[in-house]
Amino acid sequence: MSVANPVIRVCEPKYKVDGITKFIENNDFVFDYTFGEDDRTETIYDNAVKPTLDQIFKQGISTVFAYGQTGSGKTYTMEGI
């Protein structure tokens, strides 16, 4: 997997129909913003959460969707600031 904002590329190893020849199928997923494992909590907050605060304080509704493997630090990151 690789992250190049705003795209996440998942590289899936596969076999051709002959069952012998290997190849890699790349699947790209595009989001509003993506973060890699080396991004700091402040970077995530500044880009994903902070822009929603005006909407919240104007009686609006905002959602931050954090997706990732269990134990990867989603809750820690959101509580970090």
Protein backbone atom coordinates (compact mmCIF):
# COMPACT_ATOMS: atom_id res chain seq x y z
CA MET A 1 0.00 0.00 0.00
CA SER A 2 1.19 3.52 -0.70
CA VAL A 3 -0.25 6.92 0.16
CA ALA A 4 0.09 9.91 -2.16
CA ASN A 5 -2.53 12.41 -1.10
CA PRO A 6 -5.41 12.12 -1.95
CA VAL A 7 -4.89 8.62 -3.37
CA ILE A 8 -4.26 5.35 -1.57
CA ARG A 9 -2.89 2.60 -3.82
CA VAL A 10 -3.39 -0.99 -2.75
CA CYS A 11 -1.06 -3.44 -4.51
CA GLU A 12 -2.57 -6.91 -4.71
CA PRO A 13 -0.36 -9.84 -5.77
CA LYS A 14 -2.18 -12.24 -8.12
CA TYR A 15 -1.61 -15.14 -10.50
CA LYS A 16 -2.58 -15.13 -14.17
CA VAL A 17 -5.03 -17.74 -15.44
CA ASP A 18 -2.16 -20.20 -16.01
CA GLY A 19 -1.70 -20.33 -12.22
CA ILE A 20 2.06 -19.81 -12.54
CA THR A 21 2.72 -16.27 -13.75
CA LYS A 22 2.62 -13.69 -10.97
CA PHE A 23 1.57 -10.07 -11.40
CA ILE A 24 0.50 -7.16 -9.21
CA GLU A 25 -2.87 -5.50 -9.62
CA ASN A 26 -2.94 -1.87 -8.44
CA ASN A 27 -6.20 -0.47 -7.09
CA ASP A 28 -6.39 3.28 -6.46
CA PHE A 29 -8.86 4.81 -4.01
CA VAL A 30 -9.39 8.59 -3.99
CA PHE A 31 -10.47 10.49 -0.88
CA ASP A 32 -10.73 14.15 0.15
CA TYR A 33 -7.46 13.79 2.05
CA THR A 34 -5.28 10.84 3.02
CA PHE A 35 -2.59 10.43 5.65
CA GLY A 36 0.33 8.06 5.88
CA GLU A 37 1.88 6.39 8.88
CA ASP A 38 4.53 9.12 9.17
CA ASP A 39 2.07 12.04 9.33
CA ARG A 40 1.99 13.87 12.65
CA THR A 41 -1.15 14.28 14.75
CA GLU A 42 -1.00 18.05 14.22
CA THR A 43 -1.01 17.58 10.43
CA ILE A 44 -4.08 15.36 10.61
CA TYR A 45 -5.89 17.76 12.93
CA ASP A 46 -5.05 20.84 10.84
CA ASN A 47 -6.25 19.22 7.60
CA ALA A 48 -9.17 17.03 8.67
CA VAL A 49 -10.66 18.41 11.88
CA LYS A 50 -9.88 22.11 12.21
CA PRO A 51 -11.72 23.10 8.97
CA THR A 52 -14.95 21.60 10.36
CA LEU A 53 -14.97 23.67 13.56
CA ASP A 54 -16.67 26.74 12.01
CA GLN A 55 -19.50 24.52 10.80
CA ILE A 56 -19.91 22.94 14.23
CA PHE A 57 -20.04 26.29 16.03
CA LYS A 58 -22.69 27.55 13.60
CA GLN A 59 -25.05 24.80 14.80
CA GLY A 60 -23.99 22.53 11.98
CA ILE A 61 -23.08 18.90 11.90
CA SER A 62 -19.68 17.55 11.00
CA THR A 63 -18.26 14.06 10.68
CA VAL A 64 -14.67 12.89 10.67
CA PHE A 65 -14.35 9.33 9.40
CA ALA A 66 -11.22 7.53 10.54
CA TYR A 67 -10.63 4.17 8.87
CA GLY A 68 -7.86 1.73 9.56
CA GLN A 69 -6.80 -1.54 11.08
CA THR A 70 -7.67 -2.23 14.71
CA GLY A 71 -4.86 -0.98 16.92
CA SER A 72 -3.41 1.34 14.28
CA GLY A 73 -3.86 4.50 16.38
CA LYS A 74 -7.07 6.12 15.14
CA THR A 75 -8.39 6.92 18.62
CA TYR A 76 -4.96 7.99 19.84
CA THR A 77 -4.63 10.36 16.90
CA MET A 78 -8.06 11.93 17.39
CA GLU A 79 -7.41 12.43 21.12
CA GLY A 80 -3.89 13.75 20.51
CA ILE A 81 -4.64 17.47 20.52
